[in-house]
Amino acid sequence: MDIACSKEELKLFERIGDAAQKMDVQCYLIGGFVRDKLLGRPTKDVDIVCTGDGIALAHNVAKTFVQPPQVNFFKNFGTAQFRLNGLDVEFVGARKESYTSDSRKPQVEPGTIEDDQLRRDFTINALAISLNKEDYGKLIDPFDGTKDLEAKIIRTPLGPDVTFSDDPLRMMRAVRFATQLGFEITEDVFEAIKRNKGRIKIVSQERITDELNKIMAAAKPSVGLDLLFRCGLLKEFFPQFTDLSGVEIIEGKGHKDNFYHTLQVIDNTAAKSNDLWLRWAALLHDIAKPATKRYEDGHGWTFHGHEVVGERMVPKIFKQLKLPQNEHMKYVAKLVLLHLRPISLTKEDITDSAMRRLLFDAGDELEDLMILCESDITSKNKVKVKRYLENFEIVKERLKAVEESDKIRNWQPPISGDEIMQLFNLTPSREVGVLKTAVREAILDGIIQNNYDAAYALLVEKAKELNLTPIAKL
């Protein structure tokens, strides 16, 4: 075996080969494990294909251990899986497949190793290594996948139109592998994706978004997002994003291409953070610019309120893409809403009050917000970028100083809504909200100090305007 495997891996493969021989079936390592080992990439997913019952082979291998791993199996799919020493080992019987035009779920029947390799998505994923005694360690490469690894290209074993029509998700996978591995999709394969892009409609949104998230998690997400845009796939399932593309010029004044600006922001963010949801915030930060774009005579293009409209668009987009409707969605919406605020603080004569408000509004997300805002500086004018970044550092220092003195971040006013109701013998009402807001705003504006006595005194004054009298000081 010419690939670098650990002792534990080699011992496991010998056990699998021995178990297969006793069952009188052939077995092979196949797919991503072989590919990644040849590329020198870390991998923990081991795929085993055998010319027989994959579930039975998994159980027989598990029995050879003193403490057998638990085998999970799925009769409908003929697959079985167990975890061992950090490896996720999956077994399946070799098969050949045929498809109907309206489904990516194939009709399956038992096949040979050659049949199984032929049904694989790409040549680099069709590589197999024999675990059989007579040719143990032999690389089986019927489609020159090793040459494609060396050339760093994505190519299909069958004609690409057949491959993508059979299972349209493979179009997303082509883009994902190109992004993750730094490979190029061959011209004929890329043209086939363009021709077959409409077939993606038969794939569930969950599967599409899973591939999209893997692209977003790559070192340079823009590579995959640009490929999805240029082949037409992106517009099929995420038209709001493609709506950002293009430049409109009126009276000689144009705006930047917000699609490619966004790709730059995502890459800048990815260089600073691996957080998938922060990257999603980067992707969606300008999503409402097409809806808010206006041309003003004598001024040029404006996108007033795109952060507010963008915040409202986030839940709809998350629902459309089947992204989680939970705190991740709220986090992204919050960053989209706030993404202009730190930039505005780079102007002169910004008060401590504005700093306090940002600290209060951003809370735990302040550092991520600052990463997003720094990433949003993408001008080709290097002098302008340098000036913005220097001003940004000043803002960071001022935020730090205000936070240390005022402790506003994640702060709650010294008198709560419940205490206000007790103090004025109120039930939940508009008056409670007015009084609570008055205290919060006065502290944020620096009108009163952040303590109970100052808040109480303000409440008493504000209550007079509402014809309220406190029962007693708490």
Protein backbone atom coordinates (compact mmCIF):
# COMPACT_ATOMS: atom_id res chain seq x y z
CA MET A 1 0.00 0.00 0.00
CA ASP A 2 1.65 3.22 -1.22
CA ILE A 3 -0.36 5.62 0.93
CA ALA A 4 0.74 6.77 4.37
CA CYS A 5 -1.50 5.02 6.92
CA SER A 6 -1.13 4.76 10.67
CA LYS A 7 -0.47 1.41 12.38
CA GLU A 8 -4.05 1.40 13.67
CA GLU A 9 -5.41 1.97 10.18
CA LEU A 10 -3.26 -0.79 8.69
CA LYS A 11 -4.33 -3.26 11.41
CA LEU A 12 -7.97 -2.38 10.73
CA PHE A 13 -7.58 -2.91 6.98
CA GLU A 14 -5.97 -6.32 7.58
CA ARG A 15 -8.91 -7.33 9.78
CA ILE A 16 -11.35 -6.21 7.09
CA GLY A 17 -9.45 -8.15 4.42
CA ASP A 18 -9.38 -11.30 6.58
CA ALA A 19 -13.10 -11.05 7.36
CA ALA A 20 -13.92 -10.57 3.67
CA GLN A 21 -11.81 -13.59 2.70
CA LYS A 22 -13.68 -15.78 5.19
CA MET A 23 -16.95 -14.58 3.63
CA ASP A 24 -15.51 -15.27 0.15
CA VAL A 25 -16.10 -11.69 -1.02
CA GLN A 26 -13.77 -9.05 -2.45
CA CYS A 27 -13.32 -5.76 -0.57
CA TYR A 28 -11.69 -2.41 -1.26
CA LEU A 29 -10.91 0.94 0.28
CA ILE A 30 -12.55 3.51 -1.96
CA GLY A 31 -13.33 7.17 -2.47
CA GLY A 32 -12.42 10.12 -0.28
CA PHE A 33 -10.10 8.25 2.08
CA VAL A 34 -7.88 7.15 -0.81
CA ARG A 35 -8.02 10.57 -2.45
CA ASP A 36 -7.11 12.47 0.72
CA LYS A 37 -4.32 10.08 1.67
CA LEU A 38 -2.76 10.54 -1.79
CA LEU A 39 -3.06 14.31 -1.35
CA GLY A 40 -1.60 14.18 2.16
CA ARG A 41 -4.79 15.61 3.67
CA PRO A 42 -6.09 14.48 7.08
CA THR A 43 -9.11 12.21 6.88
CA LYS A 44 -11.16 10.19 9.35
CA ASP A 45 -13.84 8.80 7.01
CA VAL A 46 -13.11 5.28 5.74
CA ASP A 47 -15.33 3.85 2.98
CA ILE A 48 -15.23 0.10 2.33
CA VAL A 49 -16.98 -1.47 -0.66
CA CYS A 50 -17.35 -5.23 -1.03
CA THR A 51 -18.75 -7.55 -3.68
CA GLY A 52 -21.40 -8.89 -1.34
CA ASP A 53 -23.26 -8.00 1.83
CA GLY A 54 -21.72 -4.84 3.33
CA ILE A 55 -23.82 -5.06 6.49
CA ALA A 56 -22.68 -8.64 7.16
CA LEU A 57 -19.05 -7.67 6.57
CA ALA A 58 -19.32 -4.80 9.07
CA HIS A 59 -20.72 -7.13 11.74
CA ASN A 60 -18.05 -9.76 11.07
CA VAL A 61 -15.25 -7.19 11.33
CA ALA A 62 -16.68 -5.78 14.57
CA LYS A 63 -16.74 -9.28 16.11
CA THR A 64 -12.96 -9.60 15.72
CA PHE A 65 -12.38 -6.98 18.45
CA VAL A 66 -12.23 -7.81 22.16
CA GLN A 67 -14.59 -4.88 22.70
CA PRO A 68 -16.64 -4.85 19.49
CA PRO A 69 -17.70 -1.40 18.26
CA GLN A 70 -21.42 -0.81 17.89
CA VAL A 71 -22.55 -1.38 14.31
CA ASN A 72 -25.24 0.92 12.96
CA PHE A 73 -26.83 -0.40 9.80
CA PHE A 74 -29.50 0.64 7.32
CA LYS A 75 -31.10 -2.27 5.49
CA ASN A 76 -32.87 -0.06 2.96
CA PHE A 77 -29.53 1.32 1.76
CA GLY A 78 -27.43 -1.78 2.38
CA THR A 79 -24.94 0.23 4.45
CA ALA A 80 -23.39 -0.21 7.88
CA GLN A 81 -21.09 1.94 9.95
CA PHE A 82 -19.06 1.90 13.15
CA ARG A 83 -16.61 4.25 14.88
CA LEU A 84 -13.20 3.02 15.97
CA ASN A 85 -10.25 5.02 17.33
CA GLY A 86 -11.56 8.24 15.83
CA LEU A 87 -12.27 6.65 12.44
CA ASP A 88 -15.76 6.57 10.95
CA VAL A 89 -15.82 3.30 8.99
CA GLU A 90 -18.66 2.69 6.52
CA PHE A 91 -19.38 -0.54 4.61
CA VAL A 92 -21.51 -1.00 1.50
CA GLY A 93 -21.93 -3.65 -1.14
CA ALA A 94 -20.64 -2.86 -4.65
CA ARG A 95 -23.52 -1.80 -6.86
CA LYS A 96 -24.58 -0.39 -10.15
CA GLU A 97 -27.24 2.27 -10.47
CA SER A 98 -29.85 3.54 -12.90
CA TYR A 99 -31.85 6.75 -12.61
CA THR A 100 -35.19 8.17 -13.70
CA SER A 101 -35.44 11.78 -14.90
CA ASP A 102 -37.49 13.05 -11.95
CA SER A 103 -35.42 11.72 -9.06
CA ARG A 104 -31.84 11.56 -7.84
CA LYS A 105 -32.63 8.33 -5.99
CA PRO A 106 -31.26 5.47 -8.11
CA GLN A 107 -32.53 1.99 -8.72
CA VAL A 108 -29.76 -0.19 -7.34
CA GLU A 109 -28.60 -3.74 -7.99
CA PRO A 110 -25.48 -5.66 -6.91
CA GLY A 111 -22.43 -5.06 -9.07
CA THR A 112 -18.68 -5.44 -9.40
CA ILE A 113 -15.96 -3.09 -8.20
CA GLU A 114 -15.83 -1.77 -11.78
CA ASP A 115 -19.57 -1.03 -11.68
CA ASP A 116 -19.15 0.74 -8.37
CA GLN A 117 -16.30 2.91 -9.59
CA LEU A 118 -18.26 3.82 -12.71
CA ARG A 119 -21.13 5.27 -10.64
CA ARG A 120 -18.81 7.59 -8.67
CA ASP A 121 -19.10 11.34 -9.14
CA PHE A 122 -15.52 12.25 -10.07
CA THR A 123 -12.40 10.40 -11.18
CA ILE A 124 -10.54 11.50 -8.03
CA ASN A 125 -13.29 9.87 -5.93
CA ALA A 126 -13.30 6.62 -7.93
CA LEU A 127 -9.86 5.50 -6.72
CA ALA A 128 -9.82 2.16 -4.89
CA ILE A 129 -7.23 0.08 -3.05
CA SER A 130 -7.57 -3.68 -2.79
CA LEU A 131 -7.70 -5.27 0.67
CA ASN A 132 -7.74 -8.77 -0.86
CA LYS A 133 -4.97 -11.24 -0.11
CA GLU A 134 -4.00 -11.86 -3.76
CA ASP A 135 -3.36 -8.16 -4.59
CA TYR A 136 -3.42 -6.39 -1.20
CA GLY A 137 -2.54 -2.72 -1.51
CA LYS A 138 -3.01 -2.51 -5.28
CA LEU A 139 -4.37 0.82 -6.51
CA ILE A 140 -7.28 0.41 -8.92
CA ASP A 141 -7.59 3.54 -11.05
CA PRO A 142 -9.64 2.90 -14.21
CA PHE A 143 -10.24 6.60 -15.01
CA ASP A 144 -6.73 8.04 -14.40
CA GLY A 145 -7.83 9.70 -11.17
CA THR A 146 -4.23 9.87 -9.96
CA LYS A 147 -3.30 11.92 -13.03
CA ASP A 148 -6.21 14.25 -12.29
CA LEU A 149 -4.96 14.60 -8.71
CA GLU A 150 -1.56 15.63 -10.04
CA ALA A 151 -3.12 17.99 -12.59
CA LYS A 152 -5.50 19.33 -9.91
CA ILE A 153 -8.64 18.97 -12.01
CA ILE A 154 -12.24 17.87 -11.42
CA ARG A 155 -13.45 15.43 -14.08
CA THR A 156 -16.28 12.84 -14.26
CA PRO A 157 -15.85 9.09 -15.00
CA LEU A 158 -18.84 9.11 -17.36
CA GLY A 159 -19.87 11.96 -19.66
CA PRO A 160 -20.60 14.95 -17.40
CA ASP A 161 -24.15 15.40 -18.74
CA VAL A 162 -24.96 11.83 -17.67
CA THR A 163 -23.26 12.28 -14.30
CA PHE A 164 -25.10 15.52 -13.48
CA SER A 165 -28.47 14.55 -14.93
CA ASP A 166 -28.41 11.33 -12.87
CA ASP A 167 -27.58 13.12 -9.62
CA PRO A 168 -27.68 16.93 -9.87
CA LEU A 169 -26.19 17.36 -6.39
CA ARG A 170 -22.89 16.36 -8.02
CA MET A 171 -22.80 19.82 -9.61
CA MET A 172 -22.63 21.37 -6.13
CA ARG A 173 -20.04 18.78 -5.12
CA ALA A 174 -17.88 19.66 -8.15
CA VAL A 175 -17.79 23.28 -7.00
CA ARG A 176 -17.21 22.27 -3.39
CA PHE A 177 -14.23 20.01 -4.21
CA ALA A 178 -12.74 22.67 -6.48
CA THR A 179 -13.01 25.14 -3.59
CA GLN A 180 -11.71 22.85 -0.84
CA LEU A 181 -8.87 21.31 -2.83
CA GLY A 182 -7.85 24.29 -4.94
CA PHE A 183 -8.62 22.30 -8.12
CA GLU A 184 -10.04 23.47 -11.45
CA ILE A 185 -13.22 22.11 -12.99
CA THR A 186 -12.47 21.05 -16.58
CA GLU A 187 -14.15 23.14 -19.27
CA ASP A 188 -16.40 20.32 -20.51
CA VAL A 189 -17.55 19.58 -16.96
CA PHE A 190 -18.20 23.28 -16.24
CA GLU A 191 -20.19 23.66 -19.45
CA ALA A 192 -22.23 20.57 -18.50
CA ILE A 193 -23.08 22.20 -15.16
CA LYS A 194 -24.36 25.25 -17.06
CA ARG A 195 -26.53 23.03 -19.25
CA ASN A 196 -27.91 20.99 -16.37
CA LYS A 197 -28.25 23.69 -13.70
CA GLY A 198 -32.04 23.51 -13.76
CA ARG A 199 -31.89 19.87 -12.62
CA ILE A 200 -30.83 21.10 -9.16
CA LYS A 201 -34.56 21.69 -8.54
CA ILE A 202 -35.07 17.96 -7.86
CA VAL A 203 -32.52 18.05 -5.01
CA SER A 204 -33.73 18.86 -1.48
CA GLN A 205 -32.73 22.30 -0.21
CA GLU A 206 -31.14 20.68 2.85
CA ARG A 207 -28.65 18.81 0.66
CA ILE A 208 -27.89 21.90 -1.42
CA THR A 209 -27.33 24.02 1.69
CA ASP A 210 -25.10 21.36 3.24
CA GLU A 211 -22.78 21.68 0.22
CA LEU A 212 -23.07 25.47 0.32
CA ASN A 213 -22.02 25.51 3.98
CA LYS A 214 -18.97 23.38 3.15
CA ILE A 215 -18.04 25.95 0.50
CA MET A 216 -18.59 28.74 3.04
CA ALA A 217 -16.31 26.92 5.50
CA ALA A 218 -13.42 26.71 3.01
CA ALA A 219 -10.25 28.78 3.37
CA LYS A 220 -11.35 31.03 0.47
CA PRO A 221 -15.15 30.80 0.06
CA SER A 222 -15.19 33.28 -2.84
CA VAL A 223 -13.74 30.64 -5.17
CA GLY A 224 -16.81 28.41 -4.83
CA LEU A 225 -19.34 31.24 -4.66
CA ASP A 226 -17.96 32.74 -7.86
CA LEU A 227 -18.08 29.34 -9.59
CA LEU A 228 -21.69 28.88 -8.48
CA PHE A 229 -22.50 32.33 -9.84
CA ARG A 230 -20.76 31.86 -13.20
CA CYS A 231 -22.27 28.44 -13.90
CA GLY A 232 -25.79 29.66 -13.05
CA LEU A 233 -26.41 27.31 -10.11
CA LEU A 234 -26.50 30.11 -7.52
CA LYS A 235 -29.41 31.85 -9.18
CA GLU A 236 -31.40 28.59 -9.12
CA PHE A 237 -31.55 28.44 -5.32
CA PHE A 238 -30.35 31.84 -4.03
CA PRO A 239 -31.44 34.61 -6.45
CA GLN A 240 -31.29 37.33 -3.78
CA PHE A 241 -27.53 36.90 -3.69
CA THR A 242 -27.07 37.06 -7.46
CA ASP A 243 -29.25 40.21 -7.52
CA LEU A 244 -26.26 42.00 -5.97
CA SER A 245 -24.25 41.61 -9.19
CA GLY A 246 -23.72 44.25 -11.82
CA VAL A 247 -23.02 47.97 -12.01
CA GLU A 248 -25.51 50.66 -13.06
CA ILE A 249 -24.28 54.03 -14.36
CA ILE A 250 -26.32 57.24 -14.54
CA GLU A 251 -24.82 60.61 -15.51
CA GLY A 252 -21.39 59.04 -15.40
CA LYS A 253 -21.79 57.88 -11.82
CA GLY A 254 -21.76 54.18 -11.01
CA HIS A 255 -21.72 52.07 -7.88
CA LYS A 256 -19.44 49.14 -7.13
CA ASP A 257 -20.46 45.59 -8.03
CA ASN A 258 -21.91 44.57 -4.69
CA PHE A 259 -21.72 40.85 -5.50
CA TYR A 260 -17.97 40.86 -5.95
CA HIS A 261 -17.57 43.30 -3.07
CA THR A 262 -19.42 40.78 -0.89
CA LEU A 263 -17.12 37.97 -2.02
CA GLN A 264 -14.15 40.07 -0.94
CA VAL A 265 -15.77 40.75 2.45
CA ILE A 266 -16.38 37.01 2.96
CA ASP A 267 -12.75 36.19 2.16
CA ASN A 268 -11.53 38.96 4.46
CA THR A 269 -13.75 37.58 7.23
CA ALA A 270 -12.62 33.99 6.56
CA ALA A 271 -8.99 35.10 6.94
CA LYS A 272 -9.80 36.29 10.47
CA SER A 273 -12.36 33.72 11.69
CA ASN A 274 -13.51 30.14 11.10
CA ASP A 275 -16.99 30.92 12.47
CA LEU A 276 -19.48 29.80 9.81
CA TRP A 277 -22.20 32.18 11.03
CA LEU A 278 -19.90 35.19 11.00
CA ARG A 279 -19.16 34.28 7.38
CA TRP A 280 -22.91 34.15 6.72
CA ALA A 281 -23.22 37.62 8.23
CA ALA A 282 -20.52 38.75 5.78
CA LEU A 283 -22.47 37.17 2.91
CA LEU A 284 -25.73 38.87 3.91
CA HIS A 285 -24.47 42.24 5.16
CA ASP A 286 -25.41 44.05 1.93
CA ILE A 287 -28.19 41.70 0.80
CA ALA A 288 -30.78 44.52 0.82
CA LYS A 289 -28.82 46.89 -1.41
CA PRO A 290 -30.79 45.97 -4.56
CA ALA A 291 -34.06 46.73 -2.72
CA THR A 292 -32.81 50.07 -1.35
CA LYS A 293 -30.79 51.32 -4.33
CA ARG A 294 -31.70 54.84 -5.43
CA TYR A 295 -30.08 57.46 -7.64
CA GLU A 296 -30.13 60.98 -6.21
CA ASP A 297 -29.42 63.93 -8.53
CA GLY A 298 -26.26 65.72 -7.59
CA HIS A 299 -25.30 63.02 -5.12
CA GLY A 300 -25.18 59.66 -6.86
CA TRP A 301 -26.18 56.19 -5.73
CA THR A 302 -27.53 55.57 -2.24
CA PHE A 303 -28.59 52.48 -0.30
CA HIS A 304 -30.26 54.16 2.66
CA GLY A 305 -31.56 51.78 5.30
CA HIS A 306 -30.14 48.65 3.66
CA GLU A 307 -28.98 47.43 7.06
CA VAL A 308 -32.54 47.64 8.49
CA VAL A 309 -34.15 46.00 5.45
CA GLY A 310 -31.34 43.42 5.42
CA GLU A 311 -32.05 42.46 9.03
CA ARG A 312 -35.68 41.75 8.06
CA MET A 313 -34.57 39.67 5.06
CA VAL A 314 -32.34 37.35 7.11
CA PRO A 315 -35.12 35.17 8.66
CA LYS A 316 -36.78 34.75 5.25
CA ILE A 317 -33.52 33.73 3.59
CA PHE A 318 -32.67 31.32 6.41
CA LYS A 319 -36.10 29.72 6.01
CA GLN A 320 -35.72 29.55 2.22
CA LEU A 321 -32.29 27.90 2.44
CA LYS A 322 -33.35 25.64 5.33
CA LEU A 323 -30.75 27.16 7.61
CA PRO A 324 -31.45 26.94 11.36
CA GLN A 325 -34.23 29.13 12.75
CA ASN A 326 -32.48 29.65 16.06
CA GLU A 327 -29.84 31.79 17.76
CA HIS A 328 -27.57 31.50 14.68
CA MET A 329 -30.20 33.26 12.58
CA LYS A 330 -30.68 35.95 15.25
CA TYR A 331 -26.91 36.43 15.47
CA VAL A 332 -26.60 36.94 11.69
CA ALA A 333 -29.57 39.34 11.63
CA LYS A 334 -28.06 41.35 14.49
CA LEU A 335 -24.70 41.74 12.73
CA VAL A 336 -26.40 42.73 9.46
CA LEU A 337 -28.34 45.44 11.34
CA LEU A 338 -25.25 46.78 13.13
CA HIS A 339 -22.63 46.44 10.39
CA LEU A 340 -22.52 50.18 9.56
CA ARG A 341 -22.31 51.39 13.15
CA PRO A 342 -18.56 50.96 13.87
CA ILE A 343 -17.69 52.61 10.53
CA SER A 344 -19.75 55.66 11.51
CA LEU A 345 -17.72 55.92 14.72
CA THR A 346 -14.54 56.61 12.72
CA LYS A 347 -15.74 60.16 12.07
CA GLU A 348 -14.52 63.04 14.19
CA ASP A 349 -16.39 64.38 17.23
CA ILE A 350 -18.06 61.05 18.04
CA THR A 351 -19.32 61.18 21.62
CA ASP A 352 -18.85 58.64 24.38
CA SER A 353 -22.63 58.28 24.24
CA ALA A 354 -22.39 56.79 20.74
CA MET A 355 -19.70 54.43 21.99
CA ARG A 356 -21.88 53.36 24.93
CA ARG A 357 -24.80 52.68 22.60
CA LEU A 358 -22.71 50.44 20.36
CA LEU A 359 -21.35 48.54 23.37
CA PHE A 360 -24.88 48.08 24.67
CA ASP A 361 -26.40 47.06 21.33
CA ALA A 362 -23.57 44.74 20.24
CA GLY A 363 -23.02 43.01 23.59
CA ASP A 364 -21.23 39.67 23.22
CA GLU A 365 -21.08 40.08 19.45
CA LEU A 366 -18.88 43.20 19.54
CA GLU A 367 -15.64 41.45 18.52
CA ASP A 368 -17.36 39.64 15.65
CA LEU A 369 -19.01 42.88 14.55
CA MET A 370 -15.62 44.58 14.47
CA ILE A 371 -14.19 41.74 12.35
CA LEU A 372 -17.09 42.11 9.91
CA CYS A 373 -16.69 45.88 9.70
CA GLU A 374 -12.93 45.72 9.13
CA SER A 375 -13.55 43.09 6.46
CA ASP A 376 -16.06 45.44 4.81
CA ILE A 377 -13.29 47.90 3.90
CA THR A 378 -12.51 46.77 0.34
CA SER A 379 -11.61 49.92 -1.58
CA LYS A 380 -8.94 49.58 -4.28
CA ASN A 381 -7.55 52.87 -2.99
CA LYS A 382 -4.82 51.67 -0.61
CA VAL A 383 -4.44 55.11 1.00
CA LYS A 384 -8.17 55.17 1.78
CA VAL A 385 -8.06 51.64 3.23
CA LYS A 386 -5.03 52.52 5.36
CA ARG A 387 -6.80 55.62 6.72
CA TYR A 388 -9.97 53.65 7.52
CA LEU A 389 -8.05 50.92 9.31
CA GLU A 390 -6.06 53.45 11.36
CA ASN A 391 -9.30 55.18 12.37
CA PHE A 392 -10.76 51.81 13.19
CA GLU A 393 -7.95 51.14 15.66
CA ILE A 394 -8.76 54.45 17.36
CA VAL A 395 -12.41 53.39 17.64
CA LYS A 396 -11.35 50.07 19.22
CA GLU A 397 -9.26 51.90 21.82
CA ARG A 398 -12.11 54.30 22.63
CA LEU A 399 -14.60 51.43 22.93
CA LYS A 400 -12.20 49.70 25.32
CA ALA A 401 -11.80 52.83 27.43
CA VAL A 402 -15.56 53.54 27.60
CA GLU A 403 -16.30 49.93 28.51
CA GLU A 404 -13.70 49.95 31.30
CA SER A 405 -15.13 53.14 32.80
CA ASP A 406 -18.87 52.58 32.28
CA LYS A 407 -19.27 48.77 32.18
CA ILE A 408 -22.08 49.15 29.64
CA ARG A 409 -21.54 45.99 27.63
CA ASN A 410 -24.24 43.37 28.32
CA TRP A 411 -25.49 45.84 30.91
CA GLN A 412 -28.98 45.98 32.40
CA PRO A 413 -30.38 49.22 33.86
CA PRO A 414 -30.14 49.43 37.68
CA ILE A 415 -33.95 49.43 37.99
CA SER A 416 -35.83 46.64 36.19
CA GLY A 417 -39.32 46.68 34.70
CA ASP A 418 -40.62 44.57 37.60
CA GLU A 419 -39.21 47.05 40.11
CA ILE A 420 -40.81 49.95 38.23
CA MET A 421 -44.20 48.19 38.45
CA GLN A 422 -43.77 47.69 42.20
CA LEU A 423 -42.56 51.26 42.70
CA PHE A 424 -45.60 52.82 40.97
CA ASN A 425 -48.14 50.02 41.59
CA LEU A 426 -48.47 49.35 37.85
CA THR A 427 -49.33 46.33 35.76
CA PRO A 428 -47.51 45.68 32.45
CA SER A 429 -48.35 48.77 30.38
CA ARG A 430 -47.08 51.51 28.09
CA GLU A 431 -46.10 53.61 31.13
CA VAL A 432 -43.70 50.91 32.35
CA GLY A 433 -41.99 50.87 28.96
CA VAL A 434 -41.74 54.68 28.87
CA LEU A 435 -40.12 54.81 32.31
CA LYS A 436 -37.75 51.93 31.62
CA THR A 437 -36.66 53.50 28.32
CA ALA A 438 -36.11 56.87 29.97
CA VAL A 439 -33.65 55.37 32.47
CA ARG A 440 -31.79 53.38 29.82
CA GLU A 441 -31.48 56.32 27.41
CA ALA A 442 -30.35 58.74 30.14
CA ILE A 443 -27.56 56.40 31.24
CA LEU A 444 -26.44 55.68 27.66
CA ASP A 445 -26.44 59.40 26.87
CA GLY A 446 -24.36 60.11 29.99
CA ILE A 447 -27.09 62.33 31.52
CA ILE A 448 -27.14 60.33 34.75
CA GLN A 449 -24.70 57.91 36.37
CA ASN A 450 -25.21 54.17 36.10
CA ASN A 451 -26.50 53.54 39.64
CA TYR A 452 -29.79 53.01 41.49
CA ASP A 453 -30.07 56.39 43.19
CA ALA A 454 -29.56 58.34 39.97
CA ALA A 455 -32.04 56.11 38.15
CA TYR A 456 -34.62 56.50 40.95
CA ALA A 457 -34.35 60.26 40.91
CA LEU A 458 -34.89 60.34 37.16
CA LEU A 459 -37.88 58.00 37.45
CA VAL A 460 -39.56 60.28 39.99
CA GLU A 461 -39.15 63.26 37.66
CA LYS A 462 -40.34 61.34 34.60
CA ALA A 463 -43.30 59.89 36.53
CA LYS A 464 -44.64 63.38 37.22
CA GLU A 465 -45.10 63.87 33.47
CA LEU A 466 -47.23 60.71 33.47
CA ASN A 467 -49.18 61.69 36.61
CA LEU A 468 -47.67 58.81 38.57
CA THR A 469 -46.58 58.84 42.21
CA PRO A 470 -44.17 56.31 43.71
CA ILE A 471 -45.46 54.19 46.58
CA ALA A 472 -42.07 53.95 48.25
CA LYS A 473 -38.40 53.76 47.39
CA LEU A 474 -37.37 50.10 47.02
